[in-house]
C-alpha atoms as a PDB file:
ATOM      1  CA  MET A   1     -15.501  37.104  86.020  1.00  0.00           C
ATOM      2  CA  LYS A   2     -16.583  35.997  82.532  1.00  0.00           C
ATOM      3  CA  LEU A   3     -13.195  37.082  81.104  1.00  0.00           C
ATOM      4  CA  PHE A   4     -11.423  35.029  83.790  1.00  0.00           C
ATOM      5  CA  PHE A   5     -13.226  31.844  82.719  1.00  0.00           C
ATOM      6  CA  LYS A   6     -12.568  32.522  79.040  1.00  0.00           C
ATOM      7  CA  GLN A   7      -8.859  32.970  79.767  1.00  0.00           C
ATOM      8  CA  LEU A   8      -8.871  29.868  81.983  1.00  0.00           C
ATOM      9  CA  LEU A   9     -10.387  27.826  79.174  1.00  0.00           C
ATOM     10  CA  GLY A  10      -8.120  29.358  76.540  1.00  0.00           C
ATOM     11  CA  ILE A  11     -10.939  31.000  74.628  1.00  0.00           C
ATOM     12  CA  GLY A  12      -9.887  34.578  75.173  1.00  0.00           C
ATOM     13  CA  PRO A  13      -9.332  37.207  72.508  1.00  0.00           C
ATOM     14  CA  LYS A  14      -7.918  35.897  69.246  1.00  0.00           C
ATOM     15  CA  ALA A  15      -4.317  36.756  68.478  1.00  0.00           C
ATOM     16  CA  ASP A  16      -3.488  38.903  65.467  1.00  0.00           C
ATOM     17  CA  PHE A  17      -0.946  36.587  63.869  1.00  0.00           C
ATOM     18  CA  ASN A  18       0.073  39.110  61.212  1.00  0.00           C
ATOM     19  CA  GLU A  19       0.823  41.667  63.921  1.00  0.00           C
ATOM     20  CA  LEU A  20       2.858  39.053  65.791  1.00  0.00           C
ATOM     21  CA  MET A  21       4.778  38.244  62.606  1.00  0.00           C
ATOM     22  CA  SER A  22       5.529  41.951  62.112  1.00  0.00           C
ATOM     23  CA  ARG A  23       7.284  41.719  65.495  1.00  0.00           C
ATOM     24  CA  ASN A  24       9.413  38.768  64.334  1.00  0.00           C
ATOM     25  CA  ALA A  25       7.391  36.051  66.036  1.00  0.00           C
ATOM     26  CA  GLN A  26       8.937  32.607  66.131  1.00  0.00           C
ATOM     27  CA  ILE A  27       6.671  29.871  64.755  1.00  0.00           C
ATOM     28  CA  ILE A  28       7.325  26.542  66.451  1.00  0.00           C
ATOM     29  CA  ASP A  29       5.800  23.473  64.804  1.00  0.00           C
ATOM     30  CA  VAL A  30       5.650  20.740  67.438  1.00  0.00           C
ATOM     31  CA  ARG A  31       4.705  17.858  65.145  1.00  0.00           C
ATOM     32  CA  THR A  32       7.099  15.002  64.470  1.00  0.00           C
ATOM     33  CA  SER A  33       9.802  15.535  61.858  1.00  0.00           C
ATOM     34  CA  THR A  34       7.950  13.144  59.532  1.00  0.00           C
ATOM     35  CA  GLU A  35       4.754  15.205  59.827  1.00  0.00           C
ATOM     36  CA  PHE A  36       6.732  18.428  59.355  1.00  0.00           C
ATOM     37  CA  SER A  37       8.303  17.090  56.155  1.00  0.00           C
ATOM     38  CA  THR A  38       4.859  16.684  54.565  1.00  0.00           C
ATOM     39  CA  GLY A  39       4.206  20.427  54.831  1.00  0.00           C
ATOM     40  CA  HIS A  40       4.696  23.340  57.207  1.00  0.00           C
ATOM     41  CA  VAL A  41       4.447  27.107  57.581  1.00  0.00           C
ATOM     42  CA  ARG A  42       7.309  28.798  55.752  1.00  0.00           C
ATOM     43  CA  GLY A  43       9.945  29.913  58.248  1.00  0.00           C
ATOM     44  CA  SER A  44       8.679  27.712  61.063  1.00  0.00           C
ATOM     45  CA  ILE A  45      11.031  25.732  63.279  1.00  0.00           C
ATOM     46  CA  ASN A  46      10.326  22.052  63.870  1.00  0.00           C
ATOM     47  CA  ILE A  47      10.780  21.025  67.489  1.00  0.00           C
ATOM     48  CA  PRO A  48       8.648  17.958  68.260  1.00  0.00           C
ATOM     49  CA  LEU A  49       6.650  18.346  71.474  1.00  0.00           C
ATOM     50  CA  SER A  50       8.529  15.435  73.082  1.00  0.00           C
ATOM     51  CA  LEU A  51      11.814  17.344  72.588  1.00  0.00           C
ATOM     52  CA  LEU A  52      10.646  20.874  73.362  1.00  0.00           C
ATOM     53  CA  SER A  53      11.842  21.034  76.966  1.00  0.00           C
ATOM     54  CA  GLN A  54      15.363  20.010  75.909  1.00  0.00           C
ATOM     55  CA  ASN A  55      15.483  22.614  73.123  1.00  0.00           C
ATOM     56  CA  LEU A  56      14.295  25.797  74.840  1.00  0.00           C
ATOM     57  CA  SER A  57      17.699  27.413  74.275  1.00  0.00           C
ATOM     58  CA  LYS A  58      16.961  27.475  70.527  1.00  0.00           C
ATOM     59  CA  LEU A  59      14.189  30.012  71.159  1.00  0.00           C
ATOM     60  CA  LYS A  60      14.339  33.674  72.096  1.00  0.00           C
ATOM     61  CA  LYS A  61      12.339  34.611  75.182  1.00  0.00           C
ATOM     62  CA  ASP A  62      12.147  38.263  74.118  1.00  0.00           C
ATOM     63  CA  LYS A  63      10.190  37.533  70.909  1.00  0.00           C
ATOM     64  CA  PRO A  64       6.601  36.366  70.528  1.00  0.00           C
ATOM     65  CA  VAL A  65       6.134  32.636  69.975  1.00  0.00           C
ATOM     66  CA  ILE A  66       3.378  30.990  67.950  1.00  0.00           C
ATOM     67  CA  THR A  67       2.996  27.241  68.385  1.00  0.00           C
ATOM     68  CA  CYS A  68       1.305  24.994  65.832  1.00  0.00           C
ATOM     69  CA  CYS A  69       0.759  21.297  65.135  1.00  0.00           C
ATOM     70  CA  ALA A  70      -1.786  19.178  63.262  1.00  0.00           C
ATOM     71  CA  SER A  71      -4.928  20.151  65.190  1.00  0.00           C
ATOM     72  CA  GLY A  72      -4.005  22.512  68.019  1.00  0.00           C
ATOM     73  CA  MET A  73      -3.788  19.998  70.846  1.00  0.00           C
ATOM     74  CA  ARG A  74      -0.014  19.540  70.955  1.00  0.00           C
ATOM     75  CA  SER A  75       0.526  23.234  70.284  1.00  0.00           C
ATOM     76  CA  GLU A  76      -1.563  24.042  73.382  1.00  0.00           C
ATOM     77  CA  SER A  77       0.664  21.707  75.416  1.00  0.00           C
ATOM     78  CA  ALA A  78       3.720  23.410  73.930  1.00  0.00           C
ATOM     79  CA  LYS A  79       2.321  26.820  74.868  1.00  0.00           C
ATOM     80  CA  LYS A  80       1.957  25.697  78.489  1.00  0.00           C
ATOM     81  CA  ILE A  81       5.519  24.326  78.545  1.00  0.00           C
ATOM     82  CA  LEU A  82       6.920  27.589  77.174  1.00  0.00           C
ATOM     83  CA  LEU A  83       4.934  29.760  79.591  1.00  0.00           C
ATOM     84  CA  SER A  84       6.073  27.624  82.535  1.00  0.00           C
ATOM     85  CA  ASN A  85       9.680  28.146  81.397  1.00  0.00           C
ATOM     86  CA  GLY A  86       9.618  31.928  81.408  1.00  0.00           C
ATOM     87  CA  PHE A  87       8.376  32.767  77.915  1.00  0.00           C
ATOM     88  CA  LYS A  88       6.050  35.758  78.238  1.00  0.00           C
ATOM     89  CA  GLU A  89       4.199  35.973  74.932  1.00  0.00           C
ATOM     90  CA  VAL A  90       3.109  32.600  73.591  1.00  0.00           C
ATOM     91  CA  HIS A  91       0.114  31.973  71.326  1.00  0.00           C
ATOM     92  CA  ASN A  92      -1.436  28.715  70.163  1.00  0.00           C
ATOM     93  CA  GLY A  93      -1.742  29.022  66.395  1.00  0.00           C
ATOM     94  CA  GLY A  94      -3.705  25.781  66.133  1.00  0.00           C
ATOM     95  CA  SER A  95      -3.167  23.654  63.057  1.00  0.00           C
ATOM     96  CA  TRP A  96      -0.214  24.583  60.868  1.00  0.00           C
ATOM     97  CA  HIS A  97      -2.466  24.597  57.816  1.00  0.00           C
ATOM     98  CA  SER A  98      -4.974  27.091  59.242  1.00  0.00           C
ATOM     99  CA  LEU A  99      -2.143  29.237  60.629  1.00  0.00           C
ATOM    100  CA  GLN A 100      -0.541  29.335  57.193  1.00  0.00           C
ATOM    101  CA  GLN A 101      -3.799  30.689  55.763  1.00  0.00           C
ATOM    102  CA  LYS A 102      -4.014  33.417  58.427  1.00  0.00           C
ATOM    103  CA  ILE A 103      -0.511  34.779  57.846  1.00  0.00           C
ATOM    104  CA  HIS A 104      -0.043  37.052  54.839  1.00  0.00           C
END
């Protein structure tokens, strides 16, 4: 029961981002293009949250997806959008800056 509530609240086990990257994870930065231009994770794709639903075809459903933004709020919304559209393995990477530090 405790695990259920942790999963419900999104505080389940932490993802191993390096392991996900070894499986060719797609990093989707959902900040605005202006925010993205000030800095981003190398290799990430910029699809602003407001345009994500219209750009799902740019992503591969058979690869892991890591979402990121400025703080983790928009990336959590993006995760929910992707999961509701048939993506199976989606992880909220939180802020792009902290995600960049976690990936080697």
